[in-house]
């Protein structure tokens, strides 16, 4: 099956509809499917439920979809760097399901593995446990968490072959792998596509069976989420005399 599409809009054609659920890979601005997010924004689809570690930052990543009011609900673990996310949540415009980071990753992994739910200690005795089934194992309480299945998964990879076998680069692997398996359809954007058979089978992070459509998104501008600088020292300050 031909998996490579000319651009993000073409790769998402026929997959988007109002009220759908999307699993989105990435962590902050690292490993996010930028081109696919832009195409979703341009499509005008609304009422989205998005499962993602966070919603990017203001005006970048998933923050673009928040800015255009296309997101109805976020299932996330961290929201601290997005003021628009915070504003919409506090004003009641956005529904948010907070989920501990490891639990979110496991919910997506479980959904992709066909596991409808699992028990975890994380969140026991906190607000996270409210309304959830509690069961005791070996004298300790665990809460039931549901696996996540999405209509669509959008992910960012480093290199793929023509069959969709995919590699991630270092920390950009983050949530991309579990999100890919949790979507009924997975669309990946990558930096490079090589001929099938070029990748070492032992070095493939995501088998091509999970990837239905692909685009080449490169080149990318490297965006910096936090820029921390210090005042430049005066020339010669703190430097000992020669000799």
C-alpha atoms as a PDB file:
ATOM      1  CA  UNK A   1       0.000   0.000   0.000  1.00  0.00           C
ATOM      2  CA  UNK A   2       1.317   3.432  -0.932  1.00  0.00           C
ATOM      3  CA  UNK A   3       1.731   5.338   2.340  1.00  0.00           C
ATOM      4  CA  UNK A   4       3.611   8.499   1.326  1.00  0.00           C
ATOM      5  CA  UNK A   5       1.452  11.562   0.647  1.00  0.00           C
ATOM      6  CA  UNK A   6       2.553  14.888  -0.864  1.00  0.00           C
ATOM      7  CA  UNK A   7       1.568  17.077   2.080  1.00  0.00           C
ATOM      8  CA  UNK A   8      -0.259  17.121   5.410  1.00  0.00           C
ATOM      9  CA  UNK A   9      -3.628  18.174   3.974  1.00  0.00           C
ATOM     10  CA  UNK A  10      -3.571  15.244   1.557  1.00  0.00           C
ATOM     11  CA  UNK A  11      -2.537  12.799   4.287  1.00  0.00           C
ATOM     12  CA  UNK A  12      -5.457  13.878   6.493  1.00  0.00           C
ATOM     13  CA  UNK A  13      -8.060  13.942   3.719  1.00  0.00           C
ATOM     14  CA  UNK A  14     -11.151  11.989   4.697  1.00  0.00           C
ATOM     15  CA  UNK A  15      -9.979  11.449   8.288  1.00  0.00           C
ATOM     16  CA  UNK A  16     -11.107  14.650  10.018  1.00  0.00           C
ATOM     17  CA  UNK A  17     -14.565  15.347  11.387  1.00  0.00           C
ATOM     18  CA  UNK A  18     -16.090  17.471  14.127  1.00  0.00           C
ATOM     19  CA  UNK A  19     -16.127  15.927  17.592  1.00  0.00           C
ATOM     20  CA  UNK A  20     -13.377  13.406  16.913  1.00  0.00           C
ATOM     21  CA  UNK A  21     -10.679  12.215  19.335  1.00  0.00           C
ATOM     22  CA  UNK A  22      -7.011  12.678  18.423  1.00  0.00           C
ATOM     23  CA  UNK A  23      -3.895  11.281  20.125  1.00  0.00           C
ATOM     24  CA  UNK A  24      -0.996  13.668  19.508  1.00  0.00           C
ATOM     25  CA  UNK A  25       2.652  12.803  20.071  1.00  0.00           C
ATOM     26  CA  UNK A  26       5.278  15.166  21.392  1.00  0.00           C
ATOM     27  CA  UNK A  27       6.405  16.700  24.658  1.00  0.00           C
ATOM     28  CA  UNK A  28       6.182  20.466  24.768  1.00  0.00           C
ATOM     29  CA  UNK A  29       7.726  21.441  21.436  1.00  0.00           C
ATOM     30  CA  UNK A  30       9.913  18.322  21.193  1.00  0.00           C
ATOM     31  CA  UNK A  31       8.801  15.746  18.647  1.00  0.00           C
ATOM     32  CA  UNK A  32       5.489  17.395  17.789  1.00  0.00           C
ATOM     33  CA  UNK A  33       3.794  16.808  14.405  1.00  0.00           C
ATOM     34  CA  UNK A  34       3.927  20.457  13.345  1.00  0.00           C
ATOM     35  CA  UNK A  35       2.755  20.083   9.756  1.00  0.00           C
ATOM     36  CA  UNK A  36      -0.174  17.872  10.705  1.00  0.00           C
ATOM     37  CA  UNK A  37      -1.263  20.285  13.443  1.00  0.00           C
ATOM     38  CA  UNK A  38      -1.170  23.135  10.935  1.00  0.00           C
ATOM     39  CA  UNK A  39      -3.319  21.120   8.510  1.00  0.00           C
ATOM     40  CA  UNK A  40      -5.862  20.338  11.238  1.00  0.00           C
ATOM     41  CA  UNK A  41      -6.032  24.025  12.061  1.00  0.00           C
ATOM     42  CA  UNK A  42      -6.530  24.924   8.396  1.00  0.00           C
ATOM     43  CA  UNK A  43      -9.308  22.344   8.012  1.00  0.00           C
ATOM     44  CA  UNK A  44     -11.515  24.178  10.498  1.00  0.00           C
ATOM     45  CA  UNK A  45     -12.618  20.975  12.251  1.00  0.00           C
ATOM     46  CA  UNK A  46     -14.030  21.695  15.728  1.00  0.00           C
ATOM     47  CA  UNK A  47     -15.137  20.038  18.959  1.00  0.00           C
ATOM     48  CA  UNK A  48     -11.919  18.050  19.215  1.00  0.00           C
ATOM     49  CA  UNK A  49     -10.881  15.891  22.137  1.00  0.00           C
ATOM     50  CA  UNK A  50      -7.091  15.676  22.184  1.00  0.00           C
ATOM     51  CA  UNK A  51      -4.995  13.338  24.290  1.00  0.00           C
ATOM     52  CA  UNK A  52      -1.512  14.781  24.620  1.00  0.00           C
ATOM     53  CA  UNK A  53       1.047  15.236  27.373  1.00  0.00           C
ATOM     54  CA  UNK A  54       0.421  18.983  27.088  1.00  0.00           C
ATOM     55  CA  UNK A  55      -0.897  21.562  24.670  1.00  0.00           C
ATOM     56  CA  UNK A  56       2.379  23.106  23.574  1.00  0.00           C
ATOM     57  CA  UNK A  57       2.839  26.788  24.299  1.00  0.00           C
ATOM     58  CA  UNK A  58       0.889  29.871  23.306  1.00  0.00           C
ATOM     59  CA  UNK A  59       0.687  29.973  19.528  1.00  0.00           C
ATOM     60  CA  UNK A  60       2.888  26.905  18.935  1.00  0.00           C
ATOM     61  CA  UNK A  61       2.089  23.223  18.638  1.00  0.00           C
ATOM     62  CA  UNK A  62      -1.375  22.314  19.883  1.00  0.00           C
ATOM     63  CA  UNK A  63      -1.559  25.838  21.259  1.00  0.00           C
ATOM     64  CA  UNK A  64      -2.563  26.864  17.736  1.00  0.00           C
ATOM     65  CA  UNK A  65      -5.731  24.759  17.957  1.00  0.00           C
ATOM     66  CA  UNK A  66      -6.575  26.220  21.353  1.00  0.00           C
ATOM     67  CA  UNK A  67      -6.167  29.728  20.005  1.00  0.00           C
ATOM     68  CA  UNK A  68      -8.690  29.031  17.215  1.00  0.00           C
ATOM     69  CA  UNK A  69     -11.143  27.373  19.671  1.00  0.00           C
ATOM     70  CA  UNK A  70     -11.095  24.045  17.822  1.00  0.00           C
ATOM     71  CA  UNK A  71     -10.505  21.974  20.971  1.00  0.00           C
ATOM     72  CA  UNK A  72     -13.380  21.004  23.269  1.00  0.00           C
ATOM     73  CA  UNK A  73     -11.457  18.773  25.678  1.00  0.00           C
ATOM     74  CA  UNK A  74      -7.834  18.054  26.569  1.00  0.00           C
ATOM     75  CA  UNK A  75      -6.625  14.844  28.238  1.00  0.00           C
ATOM     76  CA  UNK A  76      -3.264  15.996  29.552  1.00  0.00           C
ATOM     77  CA  UNK A  77      -0.747  15.735  32.354  1.00  0.00           C
ATOM     78  CA  UNK A  78       0.942  19.148  32.176  1.00  0.00           C
ATOM     79  CA  UNK A  79      -0.448  22.555  31.273  1.00  0.00           C
ATOM     80  CA  UNK A  80       1.967  24.958  32.917  1.00  0.00           C
ATOM     81  CA  UNK A  81       3.454  26.678  29.863  1.00  0.00           C
ATOM     82  CA  UNK A  82       0.279  27.635  28.013  1.00  0.00           C
ATOM     83  CA  UNK A  83      -1.511  30.732  29.273  1.00  0.00           C
ATOM     84  CA  UNK A  84      -4.366  30.343  26.798  1.00  0.00           C
ATOM     85  CA  UNK A  85      -4.895  26.762  28.002  1.00  0.00           C
ATOM     86  CA  UNK A  86      -5.055  28.066  31.565  1.00  0.00           C
ATOM     87  CA  UNK A  87      -7.412  30.899  30.659  1.00  0.00           C
ATOM     88  CA  UNK A  88      -9.857  28.678  28.767  1.00  0.00           C
ATOM     89  CA  UNK A  89      -9.866  26.073  31.523  1.00  0.00           C
ATOM     90  CA  UNK A  90     -10.460  28.575  34.344  1.00  0.00           C
ATOM     91  CA  UNK A  91     -13.209  30.323  32.371  1.00  0.00           C
ATOM     92  CA  UNK A  92     -15.017  27.041  31.664  1.00  0.00           C
ATOM     93  CA  UNK A  93     -14.460  27.210  27.897  1.00  0.00           C
ATOM     94  CA  UNK A  94     -12.296  24.081  27.828  1.00  0.00           C
ATOM     95  CA  UNK A  95     -12.899  20.724  29.479  1.00  0.00           C
ATOM     96  CA  UNK A  96      -9.716  19.230  30.928  1.00  0.00           C
ATOM     97  CA  UNK A  97      -9.100  15.695  32.148  1.00  0.00           C
ATOM     98  CA  UNK A  98      -5.899  15.820  34.163  1.00  0.00           C
ATOM     99  CA  UNK A  99      -3.955  12.589  34.150  1.00  0.00           C
ATOM    100  CA  UNK A 100      -0.595  11.720  35.753  1.00  0.00           C
ATOM    101  CA  UNK A 101       2.084  11.558  33.077  1.00  0.00           C
ATOM    102  CA  UNK A 102       2.967   7.876  33.435  1.00  0.00           C
ATOM    103  CA  UNK A 103      -0.701   6.950  33.645  1.00  0.00           C
ATOM    104  CA  UNK A 104      -1.417   8.858  30.426  1.00  0.00           C
ATOM    105  CA  UNK A 105       1.365   7.022  28.604  1.00  0.00           C
ATOM    106  CA  UNK A 106       0.077   3.683  29.893  1.00  0.00           C
ATOM    107  CA  UNK A 107      -3.535   4.512  29.008  1.00  0.00           C
ATOM    108  CA  UNK A 108      -2.488   5.079  25.399  1.00  0.00           C
ATOM    109  CA  UNK A 109      -0.221   2.016  25.356  1.00  0.00           C
ATOM    110  CA  UNK A 110      -3.009  -0.096  26.827  1.00  0.00           C
ATOM    111  CA  UNK A 111      -5.528   1.198  24.299  1.00  0.00           C
ATOM    112  CA  UNK A 112      -3.167   0.321  21.481  1.00  0.00           C
ATOM    113  CA  UNK A 113      -2.669  -3.170  22.916  1.00  0.00           C
ATOM    114  CA  UNK A 114      -6.401  -3.829  23.149  1.00  0.00           C
ATOM    115  CA  UNK A 115      -6.485  -3.525  26.946  1.00  0.00           C
ATOM    116  CA  UNK A 116      -9.639  -1.658  28.007  1.00  0.00           C
ATOM    117  CA  UNK A 117      -8.430  -0.816  31.513  1.00  0.00           C
ATOM    118  CA  UNK A 118      -5.804  -1.402  34.186  1.00  0.00           C
ATOM    119  CA  UNK A 119      -5.255  -0.785  37.896  1.00  0.00           C
ATOM    120  CA  UNK A 120      -2.579   1.561  39.216  1.00  0.00           C
ATOM    121  CA  UNK A 121      -1.467   2.962  42.572  1.00  0.00           C
ATOM    122  CA  UNK A 122      -0.841   6.370  41.056  1.00  0.00           C
ATOM    123  CA  UNK A 123      -3.431   8.852  42.244  1.00  0.00           C
ATOM    124  CA  UNK A 124      -4.886   6.756  45.069  1.00  0.00           C
ATOM    125  CA  UNK A 125      -6.278   9.047  47.781  1.00  0.00           C
ATOM    126  CA  UNK A 126      -6.126  12.154  45.563  1.00  0.00           C
ATOM    127  CA  UNK A 127      -8.501  14.047  43.284  1.00  0.00           C
ATOM    128  CA  UNK A 128      -7.313  11.797  40.455  1.00  0.00           C
ATOM    129  CA  UNK A 129      -9.177   8.884  42.072  1.00  0.00           C
ATOM    130  CA  UNK A 130     -12.545  10.650  42.325  1.00  0.00           C
ATOM    131  CA  UNK A 131     -15.297   8.699  40.592  1.00  0.00           C
ATOM    132  CA  UNK A 132     -13.019   5.766  39.721  1.00  0.00           C
ATOM    133  CA  UNK A 133     -13.299   2.179  40.837  1.00  0.00           C
ATOM    134  CA  UNK A 134     -10.933   1.242  43.672  1.00  0.00           C
ATOM    135  CA  UNK A 135      -9.789  -2.344  44.210  1.00  0.00           C
ATOM    136  CA  UNK A 136      -7.443  -3.862  46.758  1.00  0.00           C
ATOM    137  CA  UNK A 137      -4.524  -6.081  45.731  1.00  0.00           C
ATOM    138  CA  UNK A 138      -2.311  -7.618  48.428  1.00  0.00           C
ATOM    139  CA  UNK A 139      -3.603  -5.131  50.965  1.00  0.00           C
ATOM    140  CA  UNK A 140      -3.041  -2.015  48.841  1.00  0.00           C
ATOM    141  CA  UNK A 141      -5.617   0.084  46.989  1.00  0.00           C
ATOM    142  CA  UNK A 142      -5.438   0.610  43.237  1.00  0.00           C
ATOM    143  CA  UNK A 143      -7.645   2.705  40.946  1.00  0.00           C
ATOM    144  CA  UNK A 144      -9.025   1.629  37.589  1.00  0.00           C
ATOM    145  CA  UNK A 145      -7.842   3.664  34.605  1.00  0.00           C
ATOM    146  CA  UNK A 146      -9.345   3.228  31.154  1.00  0.00           C
ATOM    147  CA  UNK A 147      -7.255   2.664  28.041  1.00  0.00           C
ATOM    148  CA  UNK A 148      -7.461   5.405  25.411  1.00  0.00           C
ATOM    149  CA  UNK A 149      -8.488   4.742  21.829  1.00  0.00           C
ATOM    150  CA  UNK A 150      -8.603   7.607  19.344  1.00  0.00           C
ATOM    151  CA  UNK A 151     -10.061   8.128  15.891  1.00  0.00           C
ATOM    152  CA  UNK A 152      -6.691   9.458  14.742  1.00  0.00           C
ATOM    153  CA  UNK A 153      -3.093   9.528  15.951  1.00  0.00           C
ATOM    154  CA  UNK A 154      -0.698  12.184  14.680  1.00  0.00           C
ATOM    155  CA  UNK A 155       2.996  11.679  15.399  1.00  0.00           C
ATOM    156  CA  UNK A 156       6.431  12.995  14.464  1.00  0.00           C
ATOM    157  CA  UNK A 157       9.269  10.645  13.516  1.00  0.00           C
ATOM    158  CA  UNK A 158      12.862  11.061  12.445  1.00  0.00           C
ATOM    159  CA  UNK A 159      13.317   8.549   9.654  1.00  0.00           C
ATOM    160  CA  UNK A 160      11.013   6.031   7.999  1.00  0.00           C
ATOM    161  CA  UNK A 161      11.201   3.593   5.127  1.00  0.00           C
ATOM    162  CA  UNK A 162       8.603   3.410   2.370  1.00  0.00           C
ATOM    163  CA  UNK A 163       6.690   0.720   4.272  1.00  0.00           C
ATOM    164  CA  UNK A 164       6.223   3.016   7.269  1.00  0.00           C
ATOM    165  CA  UNK A 165       8.750   1.382   9.596  1.00  0.00           C
ATOM    166  CA  UNK A 166       9.841   4.319  11.693  1.00  0.00           C
ATOM    167  CA  UNK A 167      12.635   5.565  13.925  1.00  0.00           C
ATOM    168  CA  UNK A 168      12.473   8.358  16.499  1.00  0.00           C
ATOM    169  CA  UNK A 169      15.423  10.548  17.378  1.00  0.00           C
ATOM    170  CA  UNK A 170      16.489  10.528  21.031  1.00  0.00           C
ATOM    171  CA  UNK A 171      14.074  12.373  23.347  1.00  0.00           C
ATOM    172  CA  UNK A 172      11.697  13.109  20.460  1.00  0.00           C
ATOM    173  CA  UNK A 173      10.540   9.524  20.936  1.00  0.00           C
ATOM    174  CA  UNK A 174       8.654  10.608  24.109  1.00  0.00           C
ATOM    175  CA  UNK A 175       4.888  10.083  23.679  1.00  0.00           C
ATOM    176  CA  UNK A 176       4.983   9.422  19.942  1.00  0.00           C
ATOM    177  CA  UNK A 177       5.223   5.656  20.171  1.00  0.00           C
ATOM    178  CA  UNK A 178       2.248   4.955  22.498  1.00  0.00           C
ATOM    179  CA  UNK A 179       0.112   7.572  20.750  1.00  0.00           C
ATOM    180  CA  UNK A 180       0.758   5.913  17.383  1.00  0.00           C
ATOM    181  CA  UNK A 181      -0.650   2.595  18.537  1.00  0.00           C
ATOM    182  CA  UNK A 182      -3.698   4.136  20.229  1.00  0.00           C
ATOM    183  CA  UNK A 183      -5.124   5.634  17.037  1.00  0.00           C
ATOM    184  CA  UNK A 184      -7.392   3.682  14.740  1.00  0.00           C
ATOM    185  CA  UNK A 185      -5.516   5.477  11.968  1.00  0.00           C
ATOM    186  CA  UNK A 186      -1.978   6.795  12.476  1.00  0.00           C
ATOM    187  CA  UNK A 187      -0.526   9.545  10.298  1.00  0.00           C
ATOM    188  CA  UNK A 188       3.183  10.268  10.725  1.00  0.00           C
ATOM    189  CA  UNK A 189       5.310  13.149   9.591  1.00  0.00           C
ATOM    190  CA  UNK A 190       8.999  12.395   9.309  1.00  0.00           C
ATOM    191  CA  UNK A 191      12.199  14.159   8.356  1.00  0.00           C
ATOM    192  CA  UNK A 192      13.363  11.581   5.838  1.00  0.00           C
ATOM    193  CA  UNK A 193      12.033   8.563   3.943  1.00  0.00           C
ATOM    194  CA  UNK A 194      14.466   5.872   2.791  1.00  0.00           C
ATOM    195  CA  UNK A 195      13.883   2.764   0.629  1.00  0.00           C
ATOM    196  CA  UNK A 196      12.295  -0.252   2.268  1.00  0.00           C
ATOM    197  CA  UNK A 197      14.999  -2.508   3.673  1.00  0.00           C
ATOM    198  CA  UNK A 198      17.408   0.349   4.422  1.00  0.00           C
ATOM    199  CA  UNK A 199      16.716   0.375   8.152  1.00  0.00           C
ATOM    200  CA  UNK A 200      18.255  -2.162  10.499  1.00  0.00           C
ATOM    201  CA  UNK A 201      15.294  -4.260  11.735  1.00  0.00           C
ATOM    202  CA  UNK A 202      16.694  -4.114  15.276  1.00  0.00           C
ATOM    203  CA  UNK A 203      16.687  -0.298  15.143  1.00  0.00           C
ATOM    204  CA  UNK A 204      13.019   0.162  14.221  1.00  0.00           C
ATOM    205  CA  UNK A 205      11.038   1.806  17.026  1.00  0.00           C
ATOM    206  CA  UNK A 206       7.562   1.634  15.458  1.00  0.00           C
ATOM    207  CA  UNK A 207       6.612  -1.136  12.986  1.00  0.00           C
ATOM    208  CA  UNK A 208       5.067   0.036   9.756  1.00  0.00           C
ATOM    209  CA  UNK A 209       1.856  -1.899  10.433  1.00  0.00           C
ATOM    210  CA  UNK A 210       0.819   0.969  12.718  1.00  0.00           C
ATOM    211  CA  UNK A 211       1.525   3.744  10.195  1.00  0.00           C
ATOM    212  CA  UNK A 212      -1.162   4.169   7.557  1.00  0.00           C
ATOM    213  CA  UNK A 213      -0.079   7.466   5.996  1.00  0.00           C
ATOM    214  CA  UNK A 214       3.121   9.531   5.983  1.00  0.00           C
ATOM    215  CA  UNK A 215       4.481  12.869   4.875  1.00  0.00           C
ATOM    216  CA  UNK A 216       7.945  14.374   4.781  1.00  0.00           C
ATOM    217  CA  UNK A 217       7.719  17.515   6.918  1.00  0.00           C
ATOM    218  CA  UNK A 218      11.321  18.729   6.672  1.00  0.00           C
ATOM    219  CA  UNK A 219      12.878  21.220   6.800  1.00  0.00           C
ATOM    220  CA  UNK A 220      11.989  22.350  10.323  1.00  0.00           C
ATOM    221  CA  UNK A 221      12.869  25.457  12.311  1.00  0.00           C
ATOM    222  CA  UNK A 222      14.106  24.444  15.748  1.00  0.00           C
ATOM    223  CA  UNK A 223      11.883  26.246  18.248  1.00  0.00           C
ATOM    224  CA  UNK A 224      13.090  26.841  21.793  1.00  0.00           C
ATOM    225  CA  UNK A 225      10.490  26.475  24.527  1.00  0.00           C
ATOM    226  CA  UNK A 226      12.572  28.166  27.244  1.00  0.00           C
ATOM    227  CA  UNK A 227      15.305  30.676  26.520  1.00  0.00           C
ATOM    228  CA  UNK A 228      17.476  31.293  29.565  1.00  0.00           C
ATOM    229  CA  UNK A 229      20.319  33.774  29.252  1.00  0.00           C
ATOM    230  CA  UNK A 230      22.658  35.476  31.648  1.00  0.00           C
ATOM    231  CA  UNK A 231      24.171  38.912  31.451  1.00  0.00           C
ATOM    232  CA  UNK A 232      27.414  38.977  29.494  1.00  0.00           C
ATOM    233  CA  UNK A 233      30.444  39.508  31.702  1.00  0.00           C
ATOM    234  CA  UNK A 234      32.741  42.430  31.046  1.00  0.00           C
ATOM    235  CA  UNK A 235      35.777  41.591  28.937  1.00  0.00           C
ATOM    236  CA  UNK A 236      38.586  40.418  31.186  1.00  0.00           C
ATOM    237  CA  UNK A 237      36.397  40.116  34.275  1.00  0.00           C
ATOM    238  CA  UNK A 238      37.443  37.220  36.423  1.00  0.00           C
ATOM    239  CA  UNK A 239      40.400  36.365  34.229  1.00  0.00           C
ATOM    240  CA  UNK A 240      43.779  36.146  35.929  1.00  0.00           C
ATOM    241  CA  UNK A 241      46.791  38.005  34.569  1.00  0.00           C
ATOM    242  CA  UNK A 242      49.089  36.027  32.295  1.00  0.00           C
ATOM    243  CA  UNK A 243      52.400  34.739  33.472  1.00  0.00           C
END
